[in-house]
N, C-alpha and C. Protein backbone atom coordinates (compact mmCIF):
# COMPACT_ATOMS: atom_id res chain seq x y z
N UNK A 1 41.33 27.33 -5.57
CA UNK A 1 40.74 27.15 -6.73
C UNK A 1 39.20 26.94 -6.78
N UNK A 2 38.35 27.36 -7.66
CA UNK A 2 37.19 27.07 -7.34
C UNK A 2 36.44 26.49 -8.64
N UNK A 3 35.66 25.64 -8.51
CA UNK A 3 35.01 25.10 -9.33
C UNK A 3 33.59 25.41 -9.97
N UNK A 4 33.05 25.00 -10.90
CA UNK A 4 32.10 25.67 -11.58
C UNK A 4 32.08 26.81 -12.23
N UNK A 5 31.17 26.90 -13.17
CA UNK A 5 31.49 28.10 -13.95
C UNK A 5 31.05 29.31 -13.25
N UNK A 6 31.31 30.68 -13.74
CA UNK A 6 31.22 31.72 -13.08
C UNK A 6 29.66 32.24 -12.86
N UNK A 7 29.03 31.53 -13.80
CA UNK A 7 27.67 32.11 -13.64
C UNK A 7 27.07 31.10 -12.25
N UNK A 8 27.66 29.76 -12.00
CA UNK A 8 27.33 28.93 -10.96
C UNK A 8 27.76 29.64 -9.41
N UNK A 9 28.78 30.07 -10.09
CA UNK A 9 29.42 30.66 -8.58
C UNK A 9 28.54 32.30 -8.18
N UNK A 10 28.05 32.60 -9.13
CA UNK A 10 27.09 33.93 -9.10
C UNK A 10 26.25 33.67 -8.32
N UNK A 11 25.47 32.56 -8.46
CA UNK A 11 24.06 32.43 -8.03
C UNK A 11 24.31 31.98 -6.47
N UNK A 12 25.58 31.40 -6.10
CA UNK A 12 25.57 30.92 -4.65
C UNK A 12 25.90 32.09 -3.74
N UNK A 13 25.12 32.39 -2.92
CA UNK A 13 25.48 33.77 -1.94
C UNK A 13 25.79 33.10 -0.65
N UNK A 14 26.16 33.83 0.54
CA UNK A 14 26.27 33.48 2.03
C UNK A 14 24.99 34.27 2.62
N UNK A 15 24.50 33.33 3.50
CA UNK A 15 23.55 34.20 4.46
C UNK A 15 23.52 33.48 5.96
N UNK A 16 23.85 33.79 6.68
CA UNK A 16 24.20 33.69 8.23
C UNK A 16 24.84 32.38 8.01
N UNK A 17 25.84 32.31 7.47
CA UNK A 17 26.90 31.08 7.24
C UNK A 17 26.40 30.10 6.39
N UNK A 18 25.37 30.33 6.01
CA UNK A 18 25.03 29.19 5.12
C UNK A 18 25.05 29.34 3.46
N UNK A 19 25.50 28.31 2.83
CA UNK A 19 25.33 28.52 1.56
C UNK A 19 24.36 28.47 0.73
N UNK A 20 23.80 29.55 0.07
CA UNK A 20 22.50 29.82 -0.38
C UNK A 20 22.51 29.65 -2.26
N UNK A 21 21.77 28.68 -2.74
CA UNK A 21 21.98 28.80 -4.34
C UNK A 21 20.86 28.94 -4.97
N UNK A 22 20.86 29.93 -5.57
CA UNK A 22 19.38 30.33 -6.26
C UNK A 22 18.78 29.36 -7.34
N UNK A 23 17.83 28.81 -7.34
CA UNK A 23 17.38 28.07 -8.27
C UNK A 23 16.46 28.76 -9.43
N UNK A 24 16.59 28.34 -10.43
CA UNK A 24 15.66 28.89 -11.60
C UNK A 24 14.03 28.42 -11.36
N UNK A 25 13.29 29.66 -11.83
CA UNK A 25 11.62 28.54 -11.75
C UNK A 25 11.52 27.28 -12.72
N UNK A 26 12.21 27.29 -13.69
CA UNK A 26 12.02 25.94 -14.47
C UNK A 26 12.83 25.04 -13.69
N UNK A 27 13.83 24.86 -12.69
CA UNK A 27 14.93 24.15 -12.27
C UNK A 27 13.52 23.41 -11.20
N UNK A 28 13.15 24.48 -10.32
CA UNK A 28 12.04 24.01 -9.25
C UNK A 28 10.54 23.28 -9.90
N UNK A 29 10.33 23.78 -11.05
CA UNK A 29 9.05 23.29 -11.80
C UNK A 29 9.37 21.81 -12.08
N UNK A 30 10.48 21.14 -12.77
CA UNK A 30 11.22 20.44 -13.04
C UNK A 30 11.08 19.58 -11.91
N UNK A 31 11.69 19.90 -10.86
CA UNK A 31 11.68 19.11 -9.58
C UNK A 31 10.45 18.99 -8.94
N UNK A 32 9.45 19.65 -8.99
CA UNK A 32 7.91 19.41 -8.75
C UNK A 32 7.30 18.36 -9.64
N UNK A 33 7.48 18.65 -10.83
CA UNK A 33 7.20 17.69 -11.76
C UNK A 33 7.62 16.12 -11.61
N UNK A 34 9.13 15.93 -11.50
CA UNK A 34 9.69 14.75 -11.08
C UNK A 34 8.89 14.32 -9.54
N UNK A 35 8.68 14.96 -8.61
CA UNK A 35 7.98 14.40 -7.45
C UNK A 35 6.61 14.01 -7.76
N UNK A 36 6.12 14.88 -8.21
CA UNK A 36 4.43 14.26 -8.54
C UNK A 36 4.43 13.15 -9.39
N UNK A 37 5.14 12.99 -10.19
CA UNK A 37 5.26 11.81 -11.28
C UNK A 37 5.66 10.73 -10.02
N UNK A 38 6.70 10.56 -9.48
CA UNK A 38 7.16 9.57 -8.68
C UNK A 38 6.16 9.25 -7.89
N UNK A 39 5.08 10.28 -7.32
CA UNK A 39 4.02 10.14 -6.45
C UNK A 39 3.25 8.86 -6.88
N UNK A 40 2.62 9.63 -8.48
CA UNK A 40 2.20 8.99 -8.91
C UNK A 40 2.50 7.36 -9.51
N UNK A 41 3.23 7.63 -9.89
CA UNK A 41 3.72 5.72 -9.90
C UNK A 41 4.05 5.04 -8.82
N UNK A 42 4.37 5.27 -7.48
CA UNK A 42 4.08 5.00 -6.23
C UNK A 42 2.59 4.41 -6.09
N UNK A 43 1.66 5.36 -6.17
CA UNK A 43 0.33 5.13 -5.77
C UNK A 43 -0.12 4.01 -6.98
N UNK A 44 -0.13 4.17 -7.95
CA UNK A 44 -0.45 3.21 -8.92
C UNK A 44 0.02 1.98 -8.60
N UNK A 45 1.37 1.46 -8.60
CA UNK A 45 1.80 0.36 -7.67
C UNK A 45 1.19 -0.31 -6.67
N UNK A 46 1.01 0.31 -5.57
CA UNK A 46 0.22 0.29 -4.54
C UNK A 46 -0.86 0.08 -4.95
N UNK A 47 -1.94 0.74 -5.51
CA UNK A 47 -3.20 0.36 -5.88
C UNK A 47 -3.47 -1.01 -6.74
N UNK A 48 -2.31 -1.50 -7.69
CA UNK A 48 -2.02 -2.86 -8.44
C UNK A 48 -1.95 -3.96 -7.58
N UNK A 49 -0.81 -3.67 -6.45
CA UNK A 49 -0.66 -4.56 -5.68
C UNK A 49 -1.70 -4.92 -4.79
N UNK A 50 -2.60 -3.83 -4.21
CA UNK A 50 -3.67 -4.06 -3.56
C UNK A 50 -4.86 -4.83 -4.10
N UNK A 51 -5.06 -4.29 -5.66
CA UNK A 51 -5.80 -4.69 -6.00
C UNK A 51 -5.69 -6.72 -6.46
N UNK A 52 -4.77 -6.89 -6.81
CA UNK A 52 -4.27 -8.25 -7.02
C UNK A 52 -4.26 -9.30 -5.79
N UNK A 53 -3.89 -8.59 -4.69
CA UNK A 53 -4.07 -9.37 -3.45
C UNK A 53 -5.16 -9.32 -2.93
N UNK A 54 -6.22 -8.54 -3.28
CA UNK A 54 -7.07 -8.69 -2.34
C UNK A 54 -8.23 -9.44 -3.30
N UNK A 55 -8.31 -9.55 -4.62
CA UNK A 55 -9.04 -10.34 -5.48
C UNK A 55 -8.46 -11.70 -5.38
N UNK A 56 -7.23 -11.93 -4.88
CA UNK A 56 -6.94 -13.36 -4.68
C UNK A 56 -7.62 -14.06 -3.98
N UNK A 57 -8.32 -13.44 -2.96
CA UNK A 57 -9.16 -14.28 -1.80
C UNK A 57 -10.81 -14.61 -2.63
N UNK A 58 -11.12 -13.84 -3.33
CA UNK A 58 -12.43 -13.76 -4.22
C UNK A 58 -12.94 -15.35 -4.55
N UNK A 59 -11.78 -15.83 -5.37
CA UNK A 59 -12.36 -17.15 -5.81
C UNK A 59 -12.51 -18.39 -4.44
N UNK A 60 -11.81 -18.08 -3.72
CA UNK A 60 -11.77 -18.79 -2.69
C UNK A 60 -13.20 -18.40 -1.85
N UNK A 61 -13.94 -17.58 -1.51
CA UNK A 61 -14.64 -17.15 -1.30
C UNK A 61 -15.91 -17.44 -1.42
N UNK A 62 -15.98 -17.61 -3.17
CA UNK A 62 -17.06 -18.12 -4.20
C UNK A 62 -16.82 -19.26 -4.05
N UNK A 63 -15.52 -20.38 -4.11
CA UNK A 63 -16.00 -21.58 -3.62
C UNK A 63 -16.54 -21.99 -2.31
N UNK A 64 -16.25 -21.49 -1.75
CA UNK A 64 -16.88 -22.10 -0.47
C UNK A 64 -18.45 -21.83 -0.32
N UNK A 65 -18.73 -20.61 -0.64
CA UNK A 65 -20.16 -19.88 -1.05
C UNK A 65 -21.06 -21.28 -1.79
N UNK A 66 -20.35 -21.62 -2.86
CA UNK A 66 -20.99 -22.44 -3.77
C UNK A 66 -20.99 -24.09 -3.59
N UNK A 67 -19.84 -24.60 -2.86
CA UNK A 67 -19.79 -25.85 -2.12
C UNK A 67 -20.17 -26.06 -1.22
N UNK A 68 -20.17 -24.96 -0.29
CA UNK A 68 -20.72 -25.20 0.95
C UNK A 68 -19.64 -26.11 1.87
N UNK A 69 -18.48 -26.30 1.62
CA UNK A 69 -17.38 -26.86 2.17
C UNK A 69 -16.42 -25.99 2.63
N UNK A 70 -15.72 -25.67 3.94
CA UNK A 70 -14.76 -25.21 4.18
C UNK A 70 -13.81 -26.16 4.90
N UNK A 71 -13.55 -27.24 4.92
CA UNK A 71 -13.16 -28.05 5.61
C UNK A 71 -11.37 -27.78 5.34
N UNK A 72 -11.11 -27.32 3.92
CA UNK A 72 -9.67 -27.17 3.71
C UNK A 72 -9.14 -25.99 3.86
N UNK A 73 -9.94 -24.79 4.58
CA UNK A 73 -9.46 -23.71 4.89
C UNK A 73 -9.20 -23.76 6.57
N UNK A 74 -7.69 -23.04 6.94
CA UNK A 74 -7.21 -23.21 8.17
C UNK A 74 -7.86 -21.85 8.63
N UNK A 75 -8.43 -22.20 10.08
CA UNK A 75 -9.06 -21.30 10.69
C UNK A 75 -7.64 -20.39 11.45
N UNK A 76 -6.49 -20.95 11.58
CA UNK A 76 -6.02 -20.40 12.43
C UNK A 76 -5.05 -19.37 11.48
N UNK A 77 -4.81 -20.35 10.20
CA UNK A 77 -3.92 -18.98 9.20
C UNK A 77 -4.80 -18.09 8.76
N UNK A 78 -6.20 -18.02 8.79
CA UNK A 78 -7.19 -17.10 8.35
C UNK A 78 -7.15 -16.01 9.33
N UNK A 79 -6.98 -16.49 10.86
CA UNK A 79 -7.06 -15.64 11.72
C UNK A 79 -5.59 -14.94 11.98
N UNK A 80 -4.64 -15.39 11.48
CA UNK A 80 -3.40 -14.70 11.77
C UNK A 80 -3.32 -13.96 10.48
N UNK A 81 -3.50 -14.01 9.07
CA UNK A 81 -3.99 -13.12 8.07
C UNK A 81 -4.85 -12.19 8.65
N UNK A 82 -5.78 -12.45 8.86
CA UNK A 82 -6.78 -10.84 9.01
C UNK A 82 -6.10 -10.34 10.32
N UNK A 83 -5.29 -10.64 11.38
CA UNK A 83 -4.51 -10.00 12.19
C UNK A 83 -3.15 -9.14 11.55
N UNK A 84 -2.91 -9.91 10.81
CA UNK A 84 -1.58 -9.21 10.15
C UNK A 84 -2.16 -8.05 9.15
N UNK A 85 -3.38 -8.11 8.13
CA UNK A 85 -4.03 -7.30 7.51
C UNK A 85 -4.31 -6.30 8.39
N UNK A 86 -5.01 -6.43 9.61
CA UNK A 86 -5.38 -5.20 10.45
C UNK A 86 -4.16 -4.19 10.87
N UNK A 87 -2.89 -4.78 11.12
CA UNK A 87 -1.84 -4.33 11.44
C UNK A 87 -1.44 -3.20 10.06
N UNK A 88 -1.42 -3.76 9.02
CA UNK A 88 -1.46 -2.89 7.49
C UNK A 88 -2.51 -2.10 7.60
N UNK A 89 -3.41 -2.32 8.08
CA UNK A 89 -4.52 -1.04 7.76
C UNK A 89 -3.92 0.13 8.79
N UNK A 90 -3.79 -0.46 10.13
CA UNK A 90 -3.13 0.88 10.76
C UNK A 90 -2.12 1.38 10.49
N UNK A 91 -1.06 0.51 9.85
CA UNK A 91 -0.09 1.31 9.26
C UNK A 91 -0.62 2.40 8.24
N UNK A 92 -1.32 1.87 7.48
CA UNK A 92 -1.69 2.64 6.29
C UNK A 92 -2.46 4.22 6.41
N UNK A 93 -2.94 3.82 7.90
CA UNK A 93 -4.00 4.98 8.62
C UNK A 93 -2.97 6.37 9.13
N UNK A 94 -1.48 5.47 9.74
CA UNK A 94 -0.46 6.42 10.23
C UNK A 94 0.19 7.10 9.12
N UNK A 95 0.70 6.38 8.10
CA UNK A 95 1.20 7.01 7.02
C UNK A 95 0.40 7.45 5.99
N UNK A 96 -1.01 7.60 6.06
CA UNK A 96 -1.89 8.55 5.63
C UNK A 96 -1.82 7.75 4.13
N UNK A 97 -1.37 6.24 3.79
CA UNK A 97 -1.65 6.09 2.25
C UNK A 97 -2.88 5.25 2.13
N UNK A 98 -3.52 6.07 1.00
CA UNK A 98 -4.94 5.72 0.73
C UNK A 98 -5.26 4.10 0.24
N UNK A 99 -3.92 3.81 -0.46
CA UNK A 99 -4.16 2.29 -1.33
C UNK A 99 -4.03 1.35 -0.11
N UNK A 100 -3.08 1.58 1.08
CA UNK A 100 -2.94 0.69 1.94
C UNK A 100 -4.10 0.58 2.86
N UNK A 101 -4.93 1.84 2.96
CA UNK A 101 -5.98 1.68 3.66
C UNK A 101 -7.12 0.90 3.12
N UNK A 102 -7.53 1.35 1.87
CA UNK A 102 -8.62 0.97 1.15
C UNK A 102 -8.62 -0.74 1.02
N UNK A 103 -7.59 -1.38 0.21
CA UNK A 103 -7.29 -2.39 0.15
C UNK A 103 -7.08 -3.34 1.36
N UNK A 104 -6.80 -2.81 2.49
CA UNK A 104 -6.61 -3.97 3.78
C UNK A 104 -8.09 -3.74 4.36
N UNK A 105 -8.89 -2.78 4.16
CA UNK A 105 -10.08 -2.81 4.72
C UNK A 105 -10.58 -3.82 3.81
N UNK A 106 -10.67 -3.92 2.50
CA UNK A 106 -11.46 -4.80 1.64
C UNK A 106 -11.07 -6.07 2.36
N UNK A 107 -9.87 -6.44 2.25
CA UNK A 107 -9.14 -7.77 2.44
C UNK A 107 -9.46 -8.27 3.78
N UNK A 108 -9.45 -7.92 4.93
CA UNK A 108 -9.99 -8.29 5.90
C UNK A 108 -11.25 -8.12 6.27
N UNK A 109 -12.13 -7.33 5.55
CA UNK A 109 -13.72 -8.05 5.15
C UNK A 109 -13.90 -9.03 4.63
N UNK A 110 -13.10 -9.46 3.66
CA UNK A 110 -13.46 -10.73 2.46
C UNK A 110 -12.99 -11.64 3.33
N UNK A 111 -11.73 -11.47 4.31
CA UNK A 111 -11.08 -12.85 4.91
C UNK A 111 -12.05 -12.75 6.07
N UNK A 112 -12.46 -11.89 6.92
CA UNK A 112 -13.85 -12.30 7.63
C UNK A 112 -15.13 -12.86 7.38
N UNK A 113 -15.35 -12.68 6.01
CA UNK A 113 -16.58 -13.52 5.30
C UNK A 113 -16.01 -15.13 5.33
N UNK A 114 -14.70 -15.41 4.67
CA UNK A 114 -14.21 -16.77 4.83
C UNK A 114 -14.48 -17.09 6.01
N UNK A 115 -14.06 -16.57 7.12
CA UNK A 115 -13.99 -17.16 8.73
C UNK A 115 -15.15 -17.24 8.91
N UNK A 116 -16.13 -16.36 8.80
CA UNK A 116 -17.46 -16.55 8.85
C UNK A 116 -18.22 -18.17 8.20
N UNK A 117 -17.89 -18.30 7.04
CA UNK A 117 -18.11 -19.25 6.26
C UNK A 117 -17.85 -20.70 6.74
N UNK A 118 -16.41 -20.63 7.02
CA UNK A 118 -15.70 -21.81 7.80
C UNK A 118 -16.47 -21.95 8.68
N UNK A 119 -16.60 -20.94 9.95
CA UNK A 119 -17.44 -21.44 10.89
C UNK A 119 -18.76 -22.27 10.64
N UNK A 120 -19.38 -21.61 9.52
CA UNK A 120 -20.74 -22.02 9.56
C UNK A 120 -21.04 -23.14 8.52
N UNK A 121 -20.17 -23.44 7.31
CA UNK A 121 -20.03 -24.81 6.64
C UNK A 121 -18.96 -25.97 7.24
N UNK A 122 -18.19 -25.43 8.55
CA UNK A 122 -17.21 -26.58 8.61
C UNK A 122 -17.78 -27.40 9.62
N UNK A 123 -18.58 -28.69 8.88
CA UNK A 123 -19.01 -29.47 10.06
C UNK A 123 -18.20 -30.87 10.55
N UNK A 124 -18.48 -31.28 11.60
CA UNK A 124 -17.32 -32.29 11.79
C UNK A 124 -17.97 -33.70 10.81
N UNK A 125 -17.10 -34.24 10.21
CA UNK A 125 -16.97 -35.61 9.49
C UNK A 125 -18.23 -36.58 10.14
N UNK A 126 -19.00 -36.93 9.49
CA UNK A 126 -20.45 -37.88 9.99
C UNK A 126 -19.57 -39.20 9.78
N UNK A 127 -19.69 -40.00 11.32
CA UNK A 127 -19.35 -41.55 11.07
C UNK A 127 -20.34 -42.41 10.44
């Protein structure tokens, strides 16, 4: 007993032992549009996440520049964070993800600036 309409069975053919199903141009176009839409949504989410996580370091850098005080910043934490972002950058290059690459370059540079400010303004307490 075979399932499916006569039309569906008629579209199935055998080619070297493989079952081949012929798709209409409309079905292929719909699949193409769906894949493009999914890719677009994925990139929008990536760029949004990148924007937010990159911008979150901007107020910290501005505060250090204005106050010339970086005592509350942990050098170890910043160093580990820059290392992690550098690995994300390499990962983004490997998978060719523009959003991961762009925002991790910016985040690494911004956090290197914060480390530089920490080293410049972090003076030992005067007795």
